[in-house]
Amino acid sequence: MEPRELLKHFQIEEKEYSVDLHGNGHINHTYAVTVDGEKKYILQRINTAIFKNVQGLMENIVHVTDYLREKIINAGGDPKWETLSIVRTIDNNSYYTDEEGNSWRVYLFIENAMTFDRVENEEVFYQSAAAFGRFQALLSDYPAGTLHETIPDFHNTPKRYLDFEKAVEEDILNRAHEVEKEIGFIRARKEEMSILSDMQKRGELPVRVTHNDTKLNNIMMDSTTHKAICIIDLDTVMPGLSVHDFGDAIRFGANTAAEDEPDISKVSLSLPLYELYVKGFLEGCGGQLTDKEIEMLPMGAKMMTLECGMRFLTDYLQGDTYYKIKHKQHNLDRCRSQLALVADMEIKWEQMCKAAIF
């Protein structure tokens, strides 16, 4: 179904508008809806190959944004600017399923805002840390256990390790002999992979509402001041650990090289950026994290980086079926970059642990 035709199924008053592709996301198809020269709505087709439970996914987003909206209003903020606003269908549902079985949703467009795809300066990175910390603070008393797991076992690192070992054993493309060094690196850290999940099971790390995709470009920032405004891309919001959200942001933003940098000599952890992110994240959290969570922030960074490297290698061994690749070695380059970052974290471990102590 054409995007313009889809909009007839939503509670949109405007009749004259244009619809164009928007953004560079890799998961959902996204369009901007322009009315009288101004972008007013975002139309998205939900990727049901990844998110199979669309009803559960949208229930999560509705409940979390409703909760955030109330908190924002009580604090004197602008909920249309500071959280996503869902436009209902004419049947008052949160999404529409077309005749071909595709699921669509509409958000209000957040005006006078922009995103960054990379860390252009320290202030932008600090703003992202404070924003994701505030996200934790605002949702600190939300009953996380009531949310659906939109991707089951998403950060179940021990299970990811089992998937990795299965891929090594099956070796369907006879690639394992090429990556013996990487396989050995991951296996040598097997015992660490259950540390965070075991702490969660013992009640030492609380289950919270987590974003689970804390990249810099999932934060809308004021186009003029570059202050963080709104957390977006809530598809992976579900129960999880705060240290995973922290760790994924570090893996992405405090790396001196790109995620797929083929020259691993360029890969290292920027301690200044790491320390800056710790500061911003904890300030944003506003004292809501426990002492144990703060203590385990470095482990969150290491485990998220190791888990991603392991997932890239698993996909490489399985024939590159999950991640989009630009060339044959792409997943292997990604894997090696992540493992090099883990190795550098281990060298700088003492400094990483000190950074969370104020």
Protein backbone atom coordinates (compact mmCIF):
# COMPACT_ATOMS: atom_id res chain seq x y z
CA MET A 1 0.00 0.00 0.00
CA GLU A 2 1.24 3.50 -0.87
CA PRO A 3 2.30 5.63 2.13
CA ARG A 4 -0.22 8.35 1.23
CA GLU A 5 -3.04 5.82 1.25
CA LEU A 6 -1.95 4.53 4.66
CA LEU A 7 -2.36 7.94 6.27
CA LYS A 8 -6.11 7.76 5.65
CA HIS A 9 -6.25 5.14 8.39
CA PHE A 10 -4.83 7.50 11.03
CA GLN A 11 -6.34 10.42 12.92
CA ILE A 12 -4.75 13.10 10.74
CA GLU A 13 -6.79 16.18 9.89
CA GLU A 14 -4.67 17.46 7.03
CA LYS A 15 -5.70 16.41 3.54
CA GLU A 16 -2.88 17.93 1.49
CA TYR A 17 0.55 16.56 2.29
CA SER A 18 3.64 15.02 0.76
CA VAL A 19 5.38 11.83 1.90
CA ASP A 20 9.11 11.23 1.48
CA LEU A 21 11.69 8.77 2.77
CA HIS A 22 13.33 10.00 5.95
CA GLY A 23 16.50 9.17 7.90
CA ASN A 24 18.99 6.34 7.48
CA GLY A 25 17.70 3.69 9.88
CA HIS A 26 18.52 0.05 9.19
CA ILE A 27 15.47 -1.59 10.79
CA ASN A 28 12.20 0.19 9.93
CA HIS A 29 11.12 1.99 6.75
CA THR A 30 10.59 5.62 7.75
CA TYR A 31 8.83 8.49 5.96
CA ALA A 32 8.37 12.16 6.79
CA VAL A 33 4.92 13.64 6.16
CA THR A 34 5.10 17.31 5.16
CA VAL A 35 2.16 19.72 5.41
CA ASP A 36 2.44 23.25 3.98
CA GLY A 37 6.21 22.94 3.76
CA GLU A 38 6.67 21.72 7.35
CA LYS A 39 7.29 18.17 8.53
CA LYS A 40 4.41 17.23 10.81
CA TYR A 41 4.42 13.44 11.13
CA ILE A 42 6.68 10.40 10.95
CA LEU A 43 5.25 7.29 9.27
CA GLN A 44 7.02 3.98 9.91
CA ARG A 45 6.63 0.43 8.72
CA ILE A 46 7.60 -1.86 11.58
CA ASN A 47 10.09 -4.58 10.68
CA THR A 48 8.13 -7.69 11.60
CA ALA A 49 11.01 -9.96 10.59
CA ILE A 50 12.81 -8.72 13.71
CA PHE A 51 9.87 -7.65 15.87
CA LYS A 52 7.44 -10.52 15.58
CA ASN A 53 5.11 -9.42 18.41
CA VAL A 54 3.95 -6.05 17.07
CA GLN A 55 1.08 -5.87 19.54
CA GLY A 56 3.45 -6.32 22.48
CA LEU A 57 5.96 -3.88 21.03
CA MET A 58 3.37 -1.16 20.59
CA GLU A 59 1.88 -1.80 24.03
CA ASN A 60 5.34 -1.19 25.49
CA ILE A 61 5.72 2.08 23.60
CA VAL A 62 2.23 3.30 24.50
CA HIS A 63 2.62 2.53 28.20
CA VAL A 64 6.13 3.94 28.51
CA THR A 65 5.42 7.14 26.57
CA ASP A 66 2.19 7.71 28.51
CA TYR A 67 4.16 7.32 31.73
CA LEU A 68 6.91 9.65 30.52
CA ARG A 69 4.35 12.19 29.35
CA GLU A 70 2.84 12.44 32.83
CA LYS A 71 6.29 12.82 34.42
CA ILE A 72 7.27 15.51 31.90
CA ILE A 73 4.06 17.47 32.41
CA ASN A 74 4.45 17.34 36.20
CA ALA A 75 7.98 18.72 35.79
CA GLY A 76 6.69 21.61 33.66
CA GLY A 77 8.10 20.24 30.39
CA ASP A 78 6.68 19.87 26.89
CA PRO A 79 5.63 16.25 26.26
CA LYS A 80 5.33 16.77 22.49
CA TRP A 81 9.00 17.72 22.43
CA GLU A 82 10.41 15.49 25.17
CA THR A 83 8.88 12.11 24.33
CA LEU A 84 7.38 10.37 21.32
CA SER A 85 3.70 11.06 20.66
CA ILE A 86 1.73 8.32 18.93
CA VAL A 87 -0.98 9.27 16.44
CA ARG A 88 -3.87 6.81 16.78
CA THR A 89 -5.66 5.08 13.91
CA ILE A 90 -9.24 5.95 13.10
CA ASP A 91 -10.14 2.81 15.11
CA ASN A 92 -8.13 4.24 18.04
CA ASN A 93 -5.38 1.63 17.77
CA SER A 94 -1.66 2.39 18.11
CA TYR A 95 -0.80 0.87 14.71
CA TYR A 96 -2.44 -0.22 11.46
CA THR A 97 -1.98 -3.50 9.59
CA ASP A 98 -2.50 -3.24 5.84
CA GLU A 99 -3.92 -5.81 3.42
CA GLU A 100 -0.44 -7.26 2.84
CA GLY A 101 0.12 -7.83 6.55
CA ASN A 102 2.54 -4.92 7.03
CA SER A 103 2.25 -2.99 10.30
CA TRP A 104 2.47 0.81 10.31
CA ARG A 105 2.53 3.55 12.95
CA VAL A 106 2.58 7.34 12.99
CA TYR A 107 4.32 9.71 15.41
CA LEU A 108 4.16 13.49 15.67
CA PHE A 109 7.30 14.97 14.12
CA ILE A 110 9.60 16.54 16.72
CA GLU A 111 10.35 19.99 15.32
CA ASN A 112 13.54 22.05 15.67
CA ALA A 113 15.52 18.94 16.57
CA MET A 114 18.28 16.84 15.03
CA THR A 115 20.36 13.71 15.62
CA PHE A 116 24.10 13.01 15.42
CA ASP A 117 25.50 9.84 13.85
CA ARG A 118 28.91 10.23 15.50
CA VAL A 119 30.50 11.98 18.45
CA GLU A 120 31.39 15.37 16.97
CA ASN A 121 32.43 16.93 20.28
CA GLU A 122 32.50 16.20 23.99
CA GLU A 123 29.38 18.22 24.75
CA VAL A 124 27.26 16.13 22.40
CA PHE A 125 28.49 12.92 24.03
CA TYR A 126 27.88 14.34 27.51
CA GLN A 127 24.35 15.35 26.49
CA SER A 128 23.66 11.83 25.25
CA ALA A 129 24.87 10.37 28.56
CA ALA A 130 22.71 12.71 30.60
CA ALA A 131 19.70 11.97 28.38
CA PHE A 132 19.93 8.20 28.77
CA GLY A 133 20.58 8.66 32.49
CA ARG A 134 17.46 10.81 32.78
CA PHE A 135 15.54 8.13 30.88
CA GLN A 136 16.55 5.72 33.66
CA ALA A 137 15.57 8.23 36.34
CA LEU A 138 12.15 9.01 34.89
CA LEU A 139 11.33 5.31 34.60
CA SER A 140 13.01 4.19 37.81
CA ASP A 141 9.68 3.42 39.49
CA TYR A 142 7.98 1.95 36.41
CA PRO A 143 7.12 -1.76 36.87
CA ALA A 144 9.62 -3.13 34.35
CA GLY A 145 8.31 -6.68 34.69
CA THR A 146 5.03 -5.67 33.05
CA LEU A 147 6.74 -4.93 29.73
CA HIS A 148 6.99 -7.43 26.88
CA GLU A 149 10.36 -8.75 25.73
CA THR A 150 10.29 -7.45 22.17
CA ILE A 151 13.37 -9.53 21.35
CA PRO A 152 13.65 -12.44 23.80
CA ASP A 153 17.12 -13.02 25.32
CA PHE A 154 18.41 -9.88 23.62
CA HIS A 155 21.24 -9.36 26.15
CA ASN A 156 21.40 -12.89 27.50
CA THR A 157 25.16 -13.13 27.06
CA PRO A 158 25.48 -16.78 28.18
CA LYS A 159 22.90 -17.77 25.55
CA ARG A 160 24.69 -15.68 22.94
CA TYR A 161 27.82 -17.69 23.82
CA LEU A 162 25.98 -20.98 23.26
CA ASP A 163 24.80 -19.69 19.88
CA PHE A 164 28.39 -18.79 19.06
CA GLU A 165 29.70 -22.25 19.99
CA LYS A 166 26.99 -23.86 17.87
CA ALA A 167 28.03 -21.73 14.90
CA VAL A 168 31.68 -22.76 15.42
CA GLU A 169 30.74 -26.43 15.64
CA GLU A 170 28.53 -26.41 12.55
CA ASP A 171 30.91 -24.17 10.54
CA ILE A 172 28.57 -24.29 7.55
CA LEU A 173 30.85 -22.20 5.30
CA ASN A 174 34.18 -23.65 6.47
CA ARG A 175 35.24 -20.29 7.87
CA ALA A 176 36.21 -21.33 11.40
CA HIS A 177 39.83 -22.05 10.47
CA GLU A 178 40.19 -18.41 9.38
CA VAL A 179 39.18 -17.06 12.79
CA GLU A 180 40.86 -19.37 15.30
CA LYS A 181 42.42 -16.38 17.07
CA GLU A 182 39.04 -14.68 17.52
CA ILE A 183 37.40 -17.92 18.64
CA GLY A 184 40.13 -18.41 21.23
CA PHE A 185 39.78 -14.83 22.48
CA ILE A 186 36.05 -15.28 23.10
CA ARG A 187 36.42 -18.71 24.69
CA ALA A 188 39.05 -17.38 27.09
CA ARG A 189 36.40 -15.03 28.53
CA LYS A 190 33.58 -17.56 28.79
CA GLU A 191 33.46 -17.46 32.61
CA GLU A 192 32.88 -13.68 32.65
CA MET A 193 29.83 -13.87 30.41
CA SER A 194 27.44 -14.92 33.16
CA ILE A 195 28.61 -12.36 35.75
CA LEU A 196 25.86 -9.80 35.14
CA SER A 197 23.04 -12.31 34.58
CA ASP A 198 24.05 -14.19 37.74
CA MET A 199 23.99 -10.95 39.71
CA GLN A 200 20.55 -10.22 38.35
CA LYS A 201 19.31 -13.66 39.40
CA ARG A 202 20.67 -13.07 42.92
CA GLY A 203 18.90 -9.73 43.11
CA GLU A 204 22.15 -7.76 43.20
CA LEU A 205 21.30 -5.88 40.01
CA PRO A 206 17.68 -4.67 39.70
CA VAL A 207 15.66 -5.23 36.56
CA ARG A 208 14.77 -1.85 35.09
CA VAL A 209 13.14 -0.38 32.02
CA THR A 210 15.99 -0.26 29.53
CA HIS A 211 16.30 1.17 26.03
CA ASN A 212 18.73 -1.45 24.69
CA ASP A 213 19.91 0.60 21.71
CA THR A 214 21.68 3.56 23.29
CA LYS A 215 23.46 4.84 20.21
CA LEU A 216 24.00 8.57 19.87
CA ASN A 217 21.57 8.85 16.96
CA ASN A 218 18.67 7.67 19.10
CA ILE A 219 18.57 11.01 20.87
CA MET A 220 16.89 14.09 19.42
CA MET A 221 18.81 17.26 20.24
CA ASP A 222 17.82 20.92 20.03
CA SER A 223 18.92 22.12 16.59
CA THR A 224 20.18 25.39 18.05
CA THR A 225 21.66 24.53 21.44
CA HIS A 226 22.43 20.82 20.85
CA LYS A 227 20.90 20.05 24.24
CA ALA A 228 19.31 16.60 24.48
CA ILE A 229 15.54 16.66 24.15
CA CYS A 230 14.00 13.27 23.52
CA ILE A 231 14.91 9.58 23.44
CA ILE A 232 13.61 7.90 20.28
CA ASP A 233 13.52 4.41 18.73
CA LEU A 234 11.73 2.70 21.59
CA ASP A 235 11.21 -0.64 19.83
CA THR A 236 13.66 -2.43 22.11
CA VAL A 237 12.39 -0.89 25.36
CA MET A 238 11.92 -3.85 27.70
CA PRO A 239 13.06 -5.22 31.05
CA GLY A 240 16.84 -5.23 31.40
CA LEU A 241 19.91 -3.97 33.22
CA SER A 242 21.01 -0.35 33.42
CA VAL A 243 24.64 -1.43 32.93
CA HIS A 244 23.75 -2.85 29.52
CA ASP A 245 22.38 0.52 28.36
CA PHE A 246 25.49 2.23 29.69
CA GLY A 247 27.78 -0.35 28.12
CA ASP A 248 26.27 -0.20 24.65
CA ALA A 249 26.71 3.58 24.57
CA ILE A 250 30.37 3.23 25.55
CA ARG A 251 30.97 0.52 22.95
CA PHE A 252 29.64 2.82 20.27
CA GLY A 253 30.69 6.27 21.41
CA ALA A 254 33.97 5.97 23.36
CA ASN A 255 35.72 3.89 20.68
CA THR A 256 38.46 5.85 18.90
CA ALA A 257 37.57 4.06 15.67
CA ALA A 258 34.47 3.02 13.76
CA GLU A 259 32.61 -0.14 14.67
CA ASP A 260 33.80 -1.77 11.44
CA GLU A 261 37.33 -0.33 11.32
CA PRO A 262 39.51 -2.94 9.55
CA ASP A 263 42.75 -1.54 11.01
CA ILE A 264 42.50 -2.59 14.65
CA SER A 265 45.59 -0.56 15.54
CA LYS A 266 43.25 2.45 15.42
CA VAL A 267 40.84 0.90 17.96
CA SER A 268 41.04 1.90 21.59
CA LEU A 269 38.90 3.11 24.47
CA SER A 270 39.01 6.88 24.88
CA LEU A 271 39.31 7.29 28.63
CA PRO A 272 38.35 11.00 28.50
CA LEU A 273 35.14 10.16 26.64
CA TYR A 274 34.49 7.20 28.94
CA GLU A 275 34.91 9.35 32.04
CA LEU A 276 32.74 12.09 30.53
CA TYR A 277 29.97 9.60 29.79
CA VAL A 278 30.11 8.17 33.31
CA LYS A 279 29.72 11.68 34.71
CA GLY A 280 26.81 12.58 32.44
CA PHE A 281 25.04 9.25 32.88
CA LEU A 282 25.23 9.33 36.68
CA GLU A 283 24.13 12.96 36.80
CA GLY A 284 21.19 12.14 34.56
CA CYS A 285 20.25 9.16 36.74
CA GLY A 286 19.92 11.53 39.67
CA GLY A 287 20.92 9.04 42.34
CA GLN A 288 18.52 6.31 41.18
CA LEU A 289 21.20 3.68 40.53
CA THR A 290 22.33 1.41 43.34
CA ASP A 291 25.96 1.31 44.47
CA LYS A 292 26.30 -2.13 42.90
CA GLU A 293 25.01 -0.89 39.56
CA ILE A 294 27.56 1.93 39.59
CA GLU A 295 30.30 -0.51 40.52
CA MET A 296 29.40 -2.74 37.57
CA LEU A 297 29.29 -0.01 34.91
CA PRO A 298 32.76 -0.99 33.59
CA MET A 299 31.65 -4.61 33.35
CA GLY A 300 28.59 -3.49 31.44
CA ALA A 301 30.85 -1.76 28.92
CA LYS A 302 33.10 -4.78 28.56
CA MET A 303 30.30 -7.33 28.30
CA MET A 304 28.32 -5.35 25.74
CA THR A 305 31.43 -4.98 23.59
CA LEU A 306 32.35 -8.64 23.94
CA GLU A 307 28.76 -9.72 23.26
CA CYS A 308 28.60 -7.63 20.09
CA GLY A 309 31.93 -8.95 18.87
CA MET A 310 30.72 -12.48 19.52
CA ARG A 311 27.47 -11.82 17.66
CA PHE A 312 29.32 -10.41 14.65
CA LEU A 313 31.54 -13.50 14.54
CA THR A 314 28.55 -15.80 14.94
CA ASP A 315 26.87 -14.14 11.97
CA TYR A 316 30.07 -14.39 9.93
CA LEU A 317 30.27 -18.12 10.62
CA GLN A 318 26.59 -18.58 9.77
CA GLY A 319 26.82 -16.81 6.43
CA ASP A 320 26.00 -13.19 7.27
CA THR A 321 22.27 -13.72 7.63
CA TYR A 322 21.43 -11.19 10.39
CA TYR A 323 23.51 -8.04 9.95
CA LYS A 324 23.60 -6.15 6.69
CA ILE A 325 27.06 -6.31 5.14
CA LYS A 326 28.81 -4.21 2.51
CA HIS A 327 31.51 -6.75 1.66
CA LYS A 328 32.44 -10.35 2.46
CA GLN A 329 34.66 -9.48 5.45
CA HIS A 330 32.35 -6.87 6.94
CA ASN A 331 31.15 -8.89 9.93
CA LEU A 332 34.68 -10.11 10.55
CA ASP A 333 35.97 -6.53 10.56
CA ARG A 334 33.24 -5.63 13.03
CA CYS A 335 34.12 -8.57 15.23
CA ARG A 336 37.84 -7.80 15.28
CA SER A 337 37.19 -4.14 16.07
CA GLN A 338 34.99 -5.06 19.03
CA LEU A 339 37.44 -7.63 20.39
CA ALA A 340 40.29 -5.14 20.07
CA LEU A 341 38.22 -2.70 22.12
CA VAL A 342 37.66 -5.37 24.78
CA ALA A 343 41.41 -5.99 24.93
CA ASP A 344 42.08 -2.28 25.39
CA MET A 345 39.44 -2.06 28.12
CA GLU A 346 41.25 -4.81 29.98
CA ILE A 347 44.47 -2.80 29.82
CA LYS A 348 42.66 0.29 31.14
CA TRP A 349 40.46 -1.58 33.60
CA GLU A 350 41.75 0.14 36.73
CA GLN A 351 41.11 3.60 35.27
CA MET A 352 37.63 2.53 34.13
CA CYS A 353 36.74 1.37 37.63
CA LYS A 354 38.01 4.60 39.21
CA ALA A 355 35.93 6.73 36.86
CA ALA A 356 32.68 5.77 38.60
CA ILE A 357 33.97 6.87 42.02
CA PHE A 358 33.22 10.48 42.89
